[in-house]
Amino acid sequence: MFSLSILSIFSIYMEPVNQTGISEFFLMGLTYVSELKPLIFNVFLSMYLITIIGNLLIILAVSTDSRLHTPMYFFLCNLSFTDICASTTTVPKMLLNIQVHDQSITYTGCLSQVCFLLTFCVLESCLLTVMAYDRYVAICQPLRYTIIMNPFLCILLVLLSLLISMINALLHTLLVLPLSFCTEQNIPNFFCELGQVTKLACSDTFINILFIYTSTIVFSVVPLSGIIFSYIQIVSSVLKIPSTSGRHKAFSTCGSHLSVVSLFYGTGLGVYMNSSVSNSSISNVITSMMYSVVPQMLNPFIYSLRSKEIKASLKQLIIGIICFPKFCVLMY
């Protein structure tokens, strides 16, 4: 329903606004390493399949195991689904372009890609912040945890994160629609990235750039500050626990989330620093891949390796899938 609403907006505004006659862009990020395209295709296909399968297993494990029906794993399910959507927004189109030897993407397709990618990236940032709040309540206010993190609040936080993400993405995309584009239609990346699309415009982009910087601060600095504040409170509370085993158990529940946060914001910072100091297309592709593909692929591994509950549930799920029902009891 959300995707239909976005596409309907595009269909209403696209024709009258696109005055330059631009009907397509060209994703040139991989043309500079054309001799490596077969290798790149296999690498990206493998990473995409690992991302889809890994995150689906996390969702299935949480859904089928009643022991994991807690707020923390509810948010993890939504994070896994967001990772699947974010990867699906960019990677399949790139794989198709390599296969058909055609680097073009339609004007509508490019703006749709921009809109969906912004939605899922901001949604992931919001979900990581919500998960930090969940850990804060669980450790700092354990007696009130079930009261505060009730099902209604959990669903409300996810829906609110999705709404904020969609509004932000739609505003960015609608600000691109009035722009007039020059004859230069080459995007030095393997997907349509908002900043690079904006650079191709011939008309004034001051409002676009201002909104890009403003939203970057709002949806990266503010959530990260909230996460840091939550963990300062968590560390302060954990250090007051007298037993070493108690402190270790409290910290262990945060390890996976901290690893995912470090990966997400670390790669995002790498992209920002690279765009500031380098104009190399190959460098843009590498950093974009690190931000838009690698975290989504590694998140399931981080949670499955660091969480005993997820590891046990995944083992049970995989055994249930690969073995015959009448032999399962023997394998357990």
C-alpha atoms as a PDB file:
ATOM      1  CA  MET A   1       0.000   0.000   0.000  1.00  0.00           C
ATOM      2  CA  PHE A   2       2.864   2.366   0.881  1.00  0.00           C
ATOM      3  CA  SER A   3       4.671   1.621  -2.392  1.00  0.00           C
ATOM      4  CA  LEU A   4       1.488   2.185  -4.380  1.00  0.00           C
ATOM      5  CA  SER A   5       0.976   5.575  -2.729  1.00  0.00           C
ATOM      6  CA  ILE A   6       4.533   6.627  -3.566  1.00  0.00           C
ATOM      7  CA  LEU A   7       4.229   5.515  -7.181  1.00  0.00           C
ATOM      8  CA  SER A   8       0.892   7.279  -7.503  1.00  0.00           C
ATOM      9  CA  ILE A   9       2.507  10.530  -6.394  1.00  0.00           C
ATOM     10  CA  PHE A  10       5.210  10.017  -9.017  1.00  0.00           C
ATOM     11  CA  SER A  11       2.637   9.399 -11.741  1.00  0.00           C
ATOM     12  CA  ILE A  12       0.806  12.611 -10.853  1.00  0.00           C
ATOM     13  CA  TYR A  13       3.821  14.912 -10.749  1.00  0.00           C
ATOM     14  CA  MET A  14       6.335  13.339 -13.115  1.00  0.00           C
ATOM     15  CA  GLU A  15       5.173  14.493 -16.511  1.00  0.00           C
ATOM     16  CA  PRO A  16       4.458  18.159 -15.854  1.00  0.00           C
ATOM     17  CA  VAL A  17       7.597  18.735 -13.788  1.00  0.00           C
ATOM     18  CA  ASN A  18      10.297  16.961 -15.801  1.00  0.00           C
ATOM     19  CA  GLN A  19      10.715  19.786 -18.311  1.00  0.00           C
ATOM     20  CA  THR A  20      14.172  18.739 -19.546  1.00  0.00           C
ATOM     21  CA  GLY A  21      12.899  15.596 -21.236  1.00  0.00           C
ATOM     22  CA  ILE A  22      15.234  13.384 -19.205  1.00  0.00           C
ATOM     23  CA  SER A  23      13.757   9.906 -19.352  1.00  0.00           C
ATOM     24  CA  GLU A  24      16.609   7.919 -17.838  1.00  0.00           C
ATOM     25  CA  PHE A  25      19.900   8.011 -15.959  1.00  0.00           C
ATOM     26  CA  PHE A  26      22.950   5.792 -16.319  1.00  0.00           C
ATOM     27  CA  LEU A  27      24.466   3.995 -13.332  1.00  0.00           C
ATOM     28  CA  MET A  28      28.153   4.159 -14.225  1.00  0.00           C
ATOM     29  CA  GLY A  29      29.657   2.929 -10.970  1.00  0.00           C
ATOM     30  CA  LEU A  30      30.721  -0.454 -12.353  1.00  0.00           C
ATOM     31  CA  THR A  31      31.806   0.623 -15.832  1.00  0.00           C
ATOM     32  CA  TYR A  32      35.237   1.590 -14.505  1.00  0.00           C
ATOM     33  CA  VAL A  33      35.920  -2.034 -13.571  1.00  0.00           C
ATOM     34  CA  SER A  34      34.262  -3.695 -16.563  1.00  0.00           C
ATOM     35  CA  GLU A  35      36.788  -6.544 -16.645  1.00  0.00           C
ATOM     36  CA  LEU A  36      35.717  -7.497 -13.109  1.00  0.00           C
ATOM     37  CA  LYS A  37      31.967  -7.510 -13.812  1.00  0.00           C
ATOM     38  CA  PRO A  38      31.583 -11.329 -13.731  1.00  0.00           C
ATOM     39  CA  LEU A  39      33.348 -11.431 -10.363  1.00  0.00           C
ATOM     40  CA  ILE A  40      31.326  -8.472  -9.058  1.00  0.00           C
ATOM     41  CA  PHE A  41      28.093 -10.126 -10.210  1.00  0.00           C
ATOM     42  CA  ASN A  42      28.891 -13.338  -8.328  1.00  0.00           C
ATOM     43  CA  VAL A  43      30.014 -11.461  -5.214  1.00  0.00           C
ATOM     44  CA  PHE A  44      26.922  -9.244  -5.071  1.00  0.00           C
ATOM     45  CA  LEU A  45      24.584 -12.145  -5.850  1.00  0.00           C
ATOM     46  CA  SER A  46      26.137 -14.180  -3.040  1.00  0.00           C
ATOM     47  CA  MET A  47      25.926 -11.253  -0.611  1.00  0.00           C
ATOM     48  CA  TYR A  48      22.304 -10.603  -1.563  1.00  0.00           C
ATOM     49  CA  LEU A  49      21.288 -14.243  -1.121  1.00  0.00           C
ATOM     50  CA  ILE A  50      23.093 -14.407   2.225  1.00  0.00           C
ATOM     51  CA  THR A  51      21.292 -11.214   3.292  1.00  0.00           C
ATOM     52  CA  ILE A  52      17.861 -12.525   2.309  1.00  0.00           C
ATOM     53  CA  ILE A  53      18.324 -16.014   3.766  1.00  0.00           C
ATOM     54  CA  GLY A  54      20.013 -14.804   6.964  1.00  0.00           C
ATOM     55  CA  ASN A  55      17.391 -12.191   7.770  1.00  0.00           C
ATOM     56  CA  LEU A  56      14.514 -14.516   6.842  1.00  0.00           C
ATOM     57  CA  LEU A  57      15.906 -17.133   9.221  1.00  0.00           C
ATOM     58  CA  ILE A  58      16.010 -14.533  11.991  1.00  0.00           C
ATOM     59  CA  ILE A  59      12.366 -13.593  11.308  1.00  0.00           C
ATOM     60  CA  LEU A  60      11.263 -17.249  11.176  1.00  0.00           C
ATOM     61  CA  ALA A  61      13.211 -18.135  14.323  1.00  0.00           C
ATOM     62  CA  VAL A  62      11.634 -15.312  16.317  1.00  0.00           C
ATOM     63  CA  SER A  63       8.156 -15.960  14.914  1.00  0.00           C
ATOM     64  CA  THR A  64       8.127 -19.700  15.620  1.00  0.00           C
ATOM     65  CA  ASP A  65       9.797 -19.697  19.044  1.00  0.00           C
ATOM     66  CA  SER A  66       7.485 -18.463  21.811  1.00  0.00           C
ATOM     67  CA  ARG A  67      10.503 -17.859  24.076  1.00  0.00           C
ATOM     68  CA  LEU A  68      11.573 -15.062  21.730  1.00  0.00           C
ATOM     69  CA  HIS A  69       8.243 -13.229  21.785  1.00  0.00           C
ATOM     70  CA  THR A  70       9.716 -10.277  23.661  1.00  0.00           C
ATOM     71  CA  PRO A  71      10.066  -6.579  22.728  1.00  0.00           C
ATOM     72  CA  MET A  72      13.789  -6.944  21.956  1.00  0.00           C
ATOM     73  CA  TYR A  73      13.229  -9.692  19.402  1.00  0.00           C
ATOM     74  CA  PHE A  74      10.127  -7.996  18.026  1.00  0.00           C
ATOM     75  CA  PHE A  75      12.311  -5.016  17.134  1.00  0.00           C
ATOM     76  CA  LEU A  76      14.961  -7.385  15.761  1.00  0.00           C
ATOM     77  CA  CYS A  77      12.362  -8.907  13.420  1.00  0.00           C
ATOM     78  CA  ASN A  78      11.503  -5.471  12.096  1.00  0.00           C
ATOM     79  CA  LEU A  79      15.204  -4.660  11.688  1.00  0.00           C
ATOM     80  CA  SER A  80      15.720  -7.863   9.684  1.00  0.00           C
ATOM     81  CA  PHE A  81      12.740  -7.069   7.461  1.00  0.00           C
ATOM     82  CA  THR A  82      14.117  -3.550   6.921  1.00  0.00           C
ATOM     83  CA  ASP A  83      17.499  -5.016   5.946  1.00  0.00           C
ATOM     84  CA  ILE A  84      15.826  -7.254   3.358  1.00  0.00           C
ATOM     85  CA  CYS A  85      13.933  -4.310   1.874  1.00  0.00           C
ATOM     86  CA  ALA A  86      16.998  -2.032   1.813  1.00  0.00           C
ATOM     87  CA  SER A  87      19.088  -4.627  -0.047  1.00  0.00           C
ATOM     88  CA  THR A  88      16.243  -5.419  -2.460  1.00  0.00           C
ATOM     89  CA  THR A  89      15.963  -1.726  -3.371  1.00  0.00           C
ATOM     90  CA  THR A  90      19.434  -1.584  -4.934  1.00  0.00           C
ATOM     91  CA  VAL A  91      21.094  -4.966  -5.537  1.00  0.00           C
ATOM     92  CA  PRO A  92      18.629  -6.701  -7.941  1.00  0.00           C
ATOM     93  CA  LYS A  93      18.672  -3.709 -10.316  1.00  0.00           C
ATOM     94  CA  MET A  94      22.469  -3.704 -10.313  1.00  0.00           C
ATOM     95  CA  LEU A  95      22.588  -7.456 -11.012  1.00  0.00           C
ATOM     96  CA  LEU A  96      20.099  -7.024 -13.862  1.00  0.00           C
ATOM     97  CA  ASN A  97      22.166  -4.211 -15.385  1.00  0.00           C
ATOM     98  CA  ILE A  98      25.278  -6.387 -15.348  1.00  0.00           C
ATOM     99  CA  GLN A  99      23.477  -9.303 -16.953  1.00  0.00           C
ATOM    100  CA  VAL A 100      21.870  -7.325 -19.795  1.00  0.00           C
ATOM    101  CA  HIS A 101      24.898  -5.001 -20.265  1.00  0.00           C
ATOM    102  CA  ASP A 102      22.667  -1.969 -19.863  1.00  0.00           C
ATOM    103  CA  GLN A 103      23.457   0.632 -17.199  1.00  0.00           C
ATOM    104  CA  SER A 104      20.290   2.695 -17.653  1.00  0.00           C
ATOM    105  CA  ILE A 105      17.537   3.288 -15.097  1.00  0.00           C
ATOM    106  CA  THR A 106      14.354   5.194 -15.839  1.00  0.00           C
ATOM    107  CA  TYR A 107      13.679   8.619 -14.335  1.00  0.00           C
ATOM    108  CA  THR A 108      10.757   7.201 -12.349  1.00  0.00           C
ATOM    109  CA  GLY A 109      12.765   4.145 -11.336  1.00  0.00           C
ATOM    110  CA  CYS A 110      15.653   6.297 -10.135  1.00  0.00           C
ATOM    111  CA  LEU A 111      13.460   8.514  -7.964  1.00  0.00           C
ATOM    112  CA  SER A 112      11.619   5.449  -6.647  1.00  0.00           C
ATOM    113  CA  GLN A 113      14.956   3.928  -5.700  1.00  0.00           C
ATOM    114  CA  VAL A 114      15.974   7.159  -3.947  1.00  0.00           C
ATOM    115  CA  CYS A 115      12.690   7.256  -2.037  1.00  0.00           C
ATOM    116  CA  PHE A 116      12.684   3.630  -0.901  1.00  0.00           C
ATOM    117  CA  LEU A 117      16.372   3.622   0.025  1.00  0.00           C
ATOM    118  CA  LEU A 118      15.943   6.758   2.148  1.00  0.00           C
ATOM    119  CA  THR A 119      12.905   5.205   3.806  1.00  0.00           C
ATOM    120  CA  PHE A 120      14.666   2.017   4.834  1.00  0.00           C
ATOM    121  CA  CYS A 121      17.949   3.674   5.876  1.00  0.00           C
ATOM    122  CA  VAL A 122      16.167   6.150   8.157  1.00  0.00           C
ATOM    123  CA  LEU A 123      13.882   3.380   9.425  1.00  0.00           C
ATOM    124  CA  GLU A 124      16.935   1.312  10.382  1.00  0.00           C
ATOM    125  CA  SER A 125      18.392   4.284  12.256  1.00  0.00           C
ATOM    126  CA  CYS A 126      15.106   4.764  14.126  1.00  0.00           C
ATOM    127  CA  LEU A 127      14.816   1.063  14.955  1.00  0.00           C
ATOM    128  CA  LEU A 128      18.349   0.966  16.355  1.00  0.00           C
ATOM    129  CA  THR A 129      17.428   3.911  18.588  1.00  0.00           C
ATOM    130  CA  VAL A 130      14.245   2.176  19.732  1.00  0.00           C
ATOM    131  CA  MET A 131      16.248  -0.985  20.489  1.00  0.00           C
ATOM    132  CA  ALA A 132      18.678   1.082  22.591  1.00  0.00           C
ATOM    133  CA  TYR A 133      15.706   2.449  24.563  1.00  0.00           C
ATOM    134  CA  ASP A 134      14.454  -1.107  25.045  1.00  0.00           C
ATOM    135  CA  ARG A 135      17.833  -2.149  26.512  1.00  0.00           C
ATOM    136  CA  TYR A 136      17.840   0.957  28.713  1.00  0.00           C
ATOM    137  CA  VAL A 137      14.438   0.105  30.200  1.00  0.00           C
ATOM    138  CA  ALA A 138      15.339  -3.587  30.597  1.00  0.00           C
ATOM    139  CA  ILE A 139      18.541  -2.877  32.536  1.00  0.00           C
ATOM    140  CA  CYS A 140      17.858   0.410  34.302  1.00  0.00           C
ATOM    141  CA  GLN A 141      14.196  -0.222  35.172  1.00  0.00           C
ATOM    142  CA  PRO A 142      13.817  -4.027  35.172  1.00  0.00           C
ATOM    143  CA  LEU A 143      10.833  -4.115  37.541  1.00  0.00           C
ATOM    144  CA  ARG A 144       8.824  -1.844  35.257  1.00  0.00           C
ATOM    145  CA  TYR A 145      10.039  -3.344  31.970  1.00  0.00           C
ATOM    146  CA  THR A 146       6.924  -5.323  31.107  1.00  0.00           C
ATOM    147  CA  ILE A 147       4.714  -2.369  32.028  1.00  0.00           C
ATOM    148  CA  ILE A 148       6.640   0.200  29.999  1.00  0.00           C
ATOM    149  CA  MET A 149       7.503  -1.990  26.976  1.00  0.00           C
ATOM    150  CA  ASN A 150       3.971  -3.280  26.477  1.00  0.00           C
ATOM    151  CA  PRO A 151       2.845  -4.599  23.061  1.00  0.00           C
ATOM    152  CA  PHE A 152       0.933  -1.410  22.254  1.00  0.00           C
ATOM    153  CA  LEU A 153       4.011   0.795  22.808  1.00  0.00           C
ATOM    154  CA  CYS A 154       6.250  -1.562  20.815  1.00  0.00           C
ATOM    155  CA  ILE A 155       3.926  -1.510  17.794  1.00  0.00           C
ATOM    156  CA  LEU A 156       3.467   2.251  18.142  1.00  0.00           C
ATOM    157  CA  LEU A 157       7.240   2.854  18.149  1.00  0.00           C
ATOM    158  CA  VAL A 158       7.709   0.783  14.981  1.00  0.00           C
ATOM    159  CA  LEU A 159       4.791   2.469  13.179  1.00  0.00           C
ATOM    160  CA  LEU A 160       6.008   5.903  14.258  1.00  0.00           C
ATOM    161  CA  SER A 161       9.507   5.096  12.974  1.00  0.00           C
ATOM    162  CA  LEU A 162       8.033   3.971   9.646  1.00  0.00           C
ATOM    163  CA  LEU A 163       5.867   7.085   9.358  1.00  0.00           C
ATOM    164  CA  ILE A 164       8.783   9.427  10.062  1.00  0.00           C
ATOM    165  CA  SER A 165      10.960   7.557   7.566  1.00  0.00           C
ATOM    166  CA  MET A 166       8.332   7.726   4.822  1.00  0.00           C
ATOM    167  CA  ILE A 167       7.609  11.429   5.342  1.00  0.00           C
ATOM    168  CA  ASN A 168      11.318  12.255   5.196  1.00  0.00           C
ATOM    169  CA  ALA A 169      11.832  10.182   2.021  1.00  0.00           C
ATOM    170  CA  LEU A 170       8.768  11.635   0.292  1.00  0.00           C
ATOM    171  CA  LEU A 171       9.833  15.212   1.084  1.00  0.00           C
ATOM    172  CA  HIS A 172      13.306  14.587  -0.353  1.00  0.00           C
ATOM    173  CA  THR A 173      11.850  12.976  -3.471  1.00  0.00           C
ATOM    174  CA  LEU A 174       9.243  15.687  -4.024  1.00  0.00           C
ATOM    175  CA  LEU A 175      11.993  18.315  -3.792  1.00  0.00           C
ATOM    176  CA  VAL A 176      13.850  16.541  -6.601  1.00  0.00           C
ATOM    177  CA  LEU A 177      10.832  16.527  -8.939  1.00  0.00           C
ATOM    178  CA  PRO A 178      10.932  20.271  -9.835  1.00  0.00           C
ATOM    179  CA  LEU A 179      14.655  20.160 -10.700  1.00  0.00           C
ATOM    180  CA  SER A 180      15.780  20.570 -14.304  1.00  0.00           C
ATOM    181  CA  PHE A 181      18.557  18.197 -15.314  1.00  0.00           C
ATOM    182  CA  CYS A 182      21.435  18.864 -17.685  1.00  0.00           C
ATOM    183  CA  THR A 183      22.493  16.623 -20.526  1.00  0.00           C
ATOM    184  CA  GLU A 184      24.870  14.865 -18.139  1.00  0.00           C
ATOM    185  CA  GLN A 185      22.931  11.823 -16.928  1.00  0.00           C
ATOM    186  CA  ASN A 186      25.710   9.634 -15.540  1.00  0.00           C
ATOM    187  CA  ILE A 187      25.540   8.661 -11.868  1.00  0.00           C
ATOM    188  CA  PRO A 188      28.940   7.421 -10.570  1.00  0.00           C
ATOM    189  CA  ASN A 189      27.442   4.631  -8.502  1.00  0.00           C
ATOM    190  CA  PHE A 190      25.546   1.343  -8.858  1.00  0.00           C
ATOM    191  CA  PHE A 191      22.302   2.854  -7.537  1.00  0.00           C
ATOM    192  CA  CYS A 192      20.584   6.245  -7.455  1.00  0.00           C
ATOM    193  CA  GLU A 193      21.878   8.119  -4.429  1.00  0.00           C
ATOM    194  CA  LEU A 194      20.135  11.356  -3.511  1.00  0.00           C
ATOM    195  CA  GLY A 195      23.220  13.565  -3.339  1.00  0.00           C
ATOM    196  CA  GLN A 196      24.584  12.366  -6.659  1.00  0.00           C
ATOM    197  CA  VAL A 197      21.230  12.790  -8.414  1.00  0.00           C
ATOM    198  CA  THR A 198      20.967  16.332  -7.035  1.00  0.00           C
ATOM    199  CA  LYS A 199      24.440  17.180  -8.398  1.00  0.00           C
ATOM    200  CA  LEU A 200      23.215  16.453 -11.941  1.00  0.00           C
ATOM    201  CA  ALA A 201      20.610  19.229 -11.792  1.00  0.00           C
ATOM    202  CA  CYS A 202      21.090  22.472 -13.709  1.00  0.00           C
ATOM    203  CA  SER A 203      18.565  24.423 -11.629  1.00  0.00           C
ATOM    204  CA  ASP A 204      19.118  25.829  -8.159  1.00  0.00           C
ATOM    205  CA  THR A 205      19.542  23.060  -5.571  1.00  0.00           C
ATOM    206  CA  PHE A 206      20.094  25.189  -2.461  1.00  0.00           C
ATOM    207  CA  ILE A 207      16.868  24.027  -0.774  1.00  0.00           C
ATOM    208  CA  ASN A 208      17.621  20.401  -1.655  1.00  0.00           C
ATOM    209  CA  ILE A 209      21.139  20.545  -0.223  1.00  0.00           C
ATOM    210  CA  LEU A 210      19.944  22.388   2.886  1.00  0.00           C
ATOM    211  CA  PHE A 211      17.271  19.750   3.483  1.00  0.00           C
ATOM    212  CA  ILE A 212      19.786  16.932   2.893  1.00  0.00           C
ATOM    213  CA  TYR A 213      22.156  18.314   5.535  1.00  0.00           C
ATOM    214  CA  THR A 214      19.318  19.046   7.952  1.00  0.00           C
ATOM    215  CA  SER A 215      17.802  15.579   7.678  1.00  0.00           C
ATOM    216  CA  THR A 216      21.261  13.991   7.953  1.00  0.00           C
ATOM    217  CA  ILE A 217      21.753  15.736  11.286  1.00  0.00           C
ATOM    218  CA  VAL A 218      18.244  14.898  12.497  1.00  0.00           C
ATOM    219  CA  PHE A 219      18.306  11.222  11.504  1.00  0.00           C
ATOM    220  CA  SER A 220      21.923  10.390  12.281  1.00  0.00           C
ATOM    221  CA  VAL A 221      23.294  12.702  14.965  1.00  0.00           C
ATOM    222  CA  VAL A 222      20.105  12.813  17.052  1.00  0.00           C
ATOM    223  CA  PRO A 223      19.494   9.001  17.080  1.00  0.00           C
ATOM    224  CA  LEU A 224      23.181   8.328  17.721  1.00  0.00           C
ATOM    225  CA  SER A 225      23.131  10.815  20.611  1.00  0.00           C
ATOM    226  CA  GLY A 226      20.085   9.016  22.024  1.00  0.00           C
ATOM    227  CA  ILE A 227      21.850   5.661  21.737  1.00  0.00           C
ATOM    228  CA  ILE A 228      24.987   7.005  23.431  1.00  0.00           C
ATOM    229  CA  PHE A 229      22.912   8.530  26.238  1.00  0.00           C
ATOM    230  CA  SER A 230      21.058   5.224  26.733  1.00  0.00           C
ATOM    231  CA  TYR A 231      24.311   3.289  27.021  1.00  0.00           C
ATOM    232  CA  ILE A 232      25.814   5.806  29.433  1.00  0.00           C
ATOM    233  CA  GLN A 233      22.825   5.163  31.691  1.00  0.00           C
ATOM    234  CA  ILE A 234      23.132   1.399  31.115  1.00  0.00           C
ATOM    235  CA  VAL A 235      26.844   1.323  32.000  1.00  0.00           C
ATOM    236  CA  SER A 236      26.172   3.429  35.090  1.00  0.00           C
ATOM    237  CA  SER A 237      23.460   1.001  36.233  1.00  0.00           C
ATOM    238  CA  VAL A 238      25.453  -2.141  35.422  1.00  0.00           C
ATOM    239  CA  LEU A 239      28.495  -0.966  37.375  1.00  0.00           C
ATOM    240  CA  LYS A 240      26.281  -0.774  40.466  1.00  0.00           C
ATOM    241  CA  ILE A 241      25.525  -4.510  40.239  1.00  0.00           C
ATOM    242  CA  PRO A 242      27.619  -6.190  42.961  1.00  0.00           C
ATOM    243  CA  SER A 243      28.216  -9.585  41.310  1.00  0.00           C
ATOM    244  CA  THR A 244      30.560 -10.061  38.356  1.00  0.00           C
ATOM    245  CA  SER A 245      28.239 -12.622  36.768  1.00  0.00           C
ATOM    246  CA  GLY A 246      25.349 -10.161  36.976  1.00  0.00           C
ATOM    247  CA  ARG A 247      27.351  -7.438  35.272  1.00  0.00           C
ATOM    248  CA  HIS A 248      28.475  -9.858  32.561  1.00  0.00           C
ATOM    249  CA  LYS A 249      24.892 -11.014  31.919  1.00  0.00           C
ATOM    250  CA  ALA A 250      23.651  -7.420  31.678  1.00  0.00           C
ATOM    251  CA  PHE A 251      26.392  -6.420  29.251  1.00  0.00           C
ATOM    252  CA  SER A 252      25.899  -9.568  27.146  1.00  0.00           C
ATOM    253  CA  THR A 253      22.316  -8.544  26.325  1.00  0.00           C
ATOM    254  CA  CYS A 254      23.674  -5.329  24.756  1.00  0.00           C
ATOM    255  CA  GLY A 255      26.631  -6.761  22.846  1.00  0.00           C
ATOM    256  CA  SER A 256      24.770  -7.626  19.647  1.00  0.00           C
ATOM    257  CA  HIS A 257      22.997  -4.282  19.483  1.00  0.00           C
ATOM    258  CA  LEU A 258      26.230  -2.354  20.083  1.00  0.00           C
ATOM    259  CA  SER A 259      27.942  -4.307  17.298  1.00  0.00           C
ATOM    260  CA  VAL A 260      25.132  -3.554  14.832  1.00  0.00           C
ATOM    261  CA  VAL A 261      25.086   0.136  15.827  1.00  0.00           C
ATOM    262  CA  SER A 262      28.867   0.369  15.366  1.00  0.00           C
ATOM    263  CA  LEU A 263      28.634  -1.290  11.944  1.00  0.00           C
ATOM    264  CA  PHE A 264      25.737   0.887  10.757  1.00  0.00           C
ATOM    265  CA  TYR A 265      27.065   4.254  11.912  1.00  0.00           C
ATOM    266  CA  GLY A 266      30.687   3.338  11.256  1.00  0.00           C
ATOM    267  CA  THR A 267      30.068   2.587   7.587  1.00  0.00           C
ATOM    268  CA  GLY A 268      27.844   5.673   7.345  1.00  0.00           C
ATOM    269  CA  LEU A 269      30.667   7.832   8.704  1.00  0.00           C
ATOM    270  CA  GLY A 270      33.019   6.187   6.212  1.00  0.00           C
ATOM    271  CA  VAL A 271      30.728   7.131   3.323  1.00  0.00           C
ATOM    272  CA  TYR A 272      30.524  10.732   4.546  1.00  0.00           C
ATOM    273  CA  MET A 273      34.298  11.081   4.980  1.00  0.00           C
ATOM    274  CA  ASN A 274      34.985   9.489   1.606  1.00  0.00           C
ATOM    275  CA  SER A 275      32.546  11.807  -0.208  1.00  0.00           C
ATOM    276  CA  SER A 276      34.298  14.784   1.436  1.00  0.00           C
ATOM    277  CA  VAL A 277      37.846  13.883   0.405  1.00  0.00           C
ATOM    278  CA  SER A 278      37.489  11.775  -2.746  1.00  0.00           C
ATOM    279  CA  ASN A 279      35.708  12.062  -6.095  1.00  0.00           C
ATOM    280  CA  SER A 280      36.821   8.638  -7.321  1.00  0.00           C
ATOM    281  CA  SER A 281      33.995   6.569  -8.794  1.00  0.00           C
ATOM    282  CA  ILE A 282      35.580   3.320  -7.665  1.00  0.00           C
ATOM    283  CA  SER A 283      35.901   4.704  -4.142  1.00  0.00           C
ATOM    284  CA  ASN A 284      32.239   5.785  -4.212  1.00  0.00           C
ATOM    285  CA  VAL A 285      31.167   2.283  -5.233  1.00  0.00           C
ATOM    286  CA  ILE A 286      33.217   0.599  -2.507  1.00  0.00           C
ATOM    287  CA  THR A 287      32.001   2.888   0.278  1.00  0.00           C
ATOM    288  CA  SER A 288      28.396   2.699  -0.942  1.00  0.00           C
ATOM    289  CA  MET A 289      28.602  -1.088  -0.959  1.00  0.00           C
ATOM    290  CA  MET A 290      29.995  -1.033   2.585  1.00  0.00           C
ATOM    291  CA  TYR A 291      27.034   1.069   3.730  1.00  0.00           C
ATOM    292  CA  SER A 292      24.122  -0.277   1.692  1.00  0.00           C
ATOM    293  CA  VAL A 293      24.951  -3.999   1.422  1.00  0.00           C
ATOM    294  CA  VAL A 294      27.465  -5.198   4.023  1.00  0.00           C
ATOM    295  CA  PRO A 295      25.649  -4.189   7.274  1.00  0.00           C
ATOM    296  CA  GLN A 296      22.423  -5.820   6.098  1.00  0.00           C
ATOM    297  CA  MET A 297      24.337  -9.025   5.350  1.00  0.00           C
ATOM    298  CA  LEU A 298      26.260  -9.124   8.643  1.00  0.00           C
ATOM    299  CA  ASN A 299      23.443  -8.222  11.046  1.00  0.00           C
ATOM    300  CA  PRO A 300      21.962 -11.771  11.168  1.00  0.00           C
ATOM    301  CA  PHE A 301      25.413 -13.237  11.856  1.00  0.00           C
ATOM    302  CA  ILE A 302      26.055 -10.754  14.665  1.00  0.00           C
ATOM    303  CA  TYR A 303      22.795 -11.569  16.431  1.00  0.00           C
ATOM    304  CA  SER A 304      22.969 -15.329  15.844  1.00  0.00           C
ATOM    305  CA  LEU A 305      26.569 -15.599  17.058  1.00  0.00           C
ATOM    306  CA  ARG A 306      26.202 -13.365  20.131  1.00  0.00           C
ATOM    307  CA  SER A 307      22.711 -14.372  21.273  1.00  0.00           C
ATOM    308  CA  LYS A 308      22.323 -17.837  22.787  1.00  0.00           C
ATOM    309  CA  GLU A 309      18.547 -17.672  22.427  1.00  0.00           C
ATOM    310  CA  ILE A 310      18.717 -16.866  18.706  1.00  0.00           C
ATOM    311  CA  LYS A 311      21.400 -19.494  18.165  1.00  0.00           C
ATOM    312  CA  ALA A 312      19.315 -22.196  19.852  1.00  0.00           C
ATOM    313  CA  SER A 313      16.161 -21.172  18.009  1.00  0.00           C
ATOM    314  CA  LEU A 314      17.953 -21.133  14.649  1.00  0.00           C
ATOM    315  CA  LYS A 315      19.392 -24.577  15.300  1.00  0.00           C
ATOM    316  CA  GLN A 316      15.933 -25.894  16.096  1.00  0.00           C
ATOM    317  CA  LEU A 317      14.446 -24.192  13.019  1.00  0.00           C
ATOM    318  CA  ILE A 318      17.114 -25.466  10.610  1.00  0.00           C
ATOM    319  CA  ILE A 319      16.860 -29.007  11.937  1.00  0.00           C
ATOM    320  CA  GLY A 320      13.105 -28.829  11.541  1.00  0.00           C
ATOM    321  CA  ILE A 321      13.514 -27.724   7.917  1.00  0.00           C
ATOM    322  CA  ILE A 322      16.123 -30.222   6.741  1.00  0.00           C
ATOM    323  CA  CYS A 323      15.012 -33.381   8.536  1.00  0.00           C
ATOM    324  CA  PHE A 324      11.943 -35.553   8.143  1.00  0.00           C
ATOM    325  CA  PRO A 325       9.352 -35.027  10.901  1.00  0.00           C
ATOM    326  CA  LYS A 326       9.542 -38.612  12.147  1.00  0.00           C
ATOM    327  CA  PHE A 327      13.317 -38.417  12.591  1.00  0.00           C
ATOM    328  CA  CYS A 328      13.463 -34.968  14.190  1.00  0.00           C
ATOM    329  CA  VAL A 329      13.052 -36.282  17.719  1.00  0.00           C
ATOM    330  CA  LEU A 330      16.138 -38.458  17.240  1.00  0.00           C
ATOM    331  CA  MET A 331      18.264 -35.528  16.090  1.00  0.00           C
ATOM    332  CA  TYR A 332      17.285 -33.384  19.069  1.00  0.00           C
END
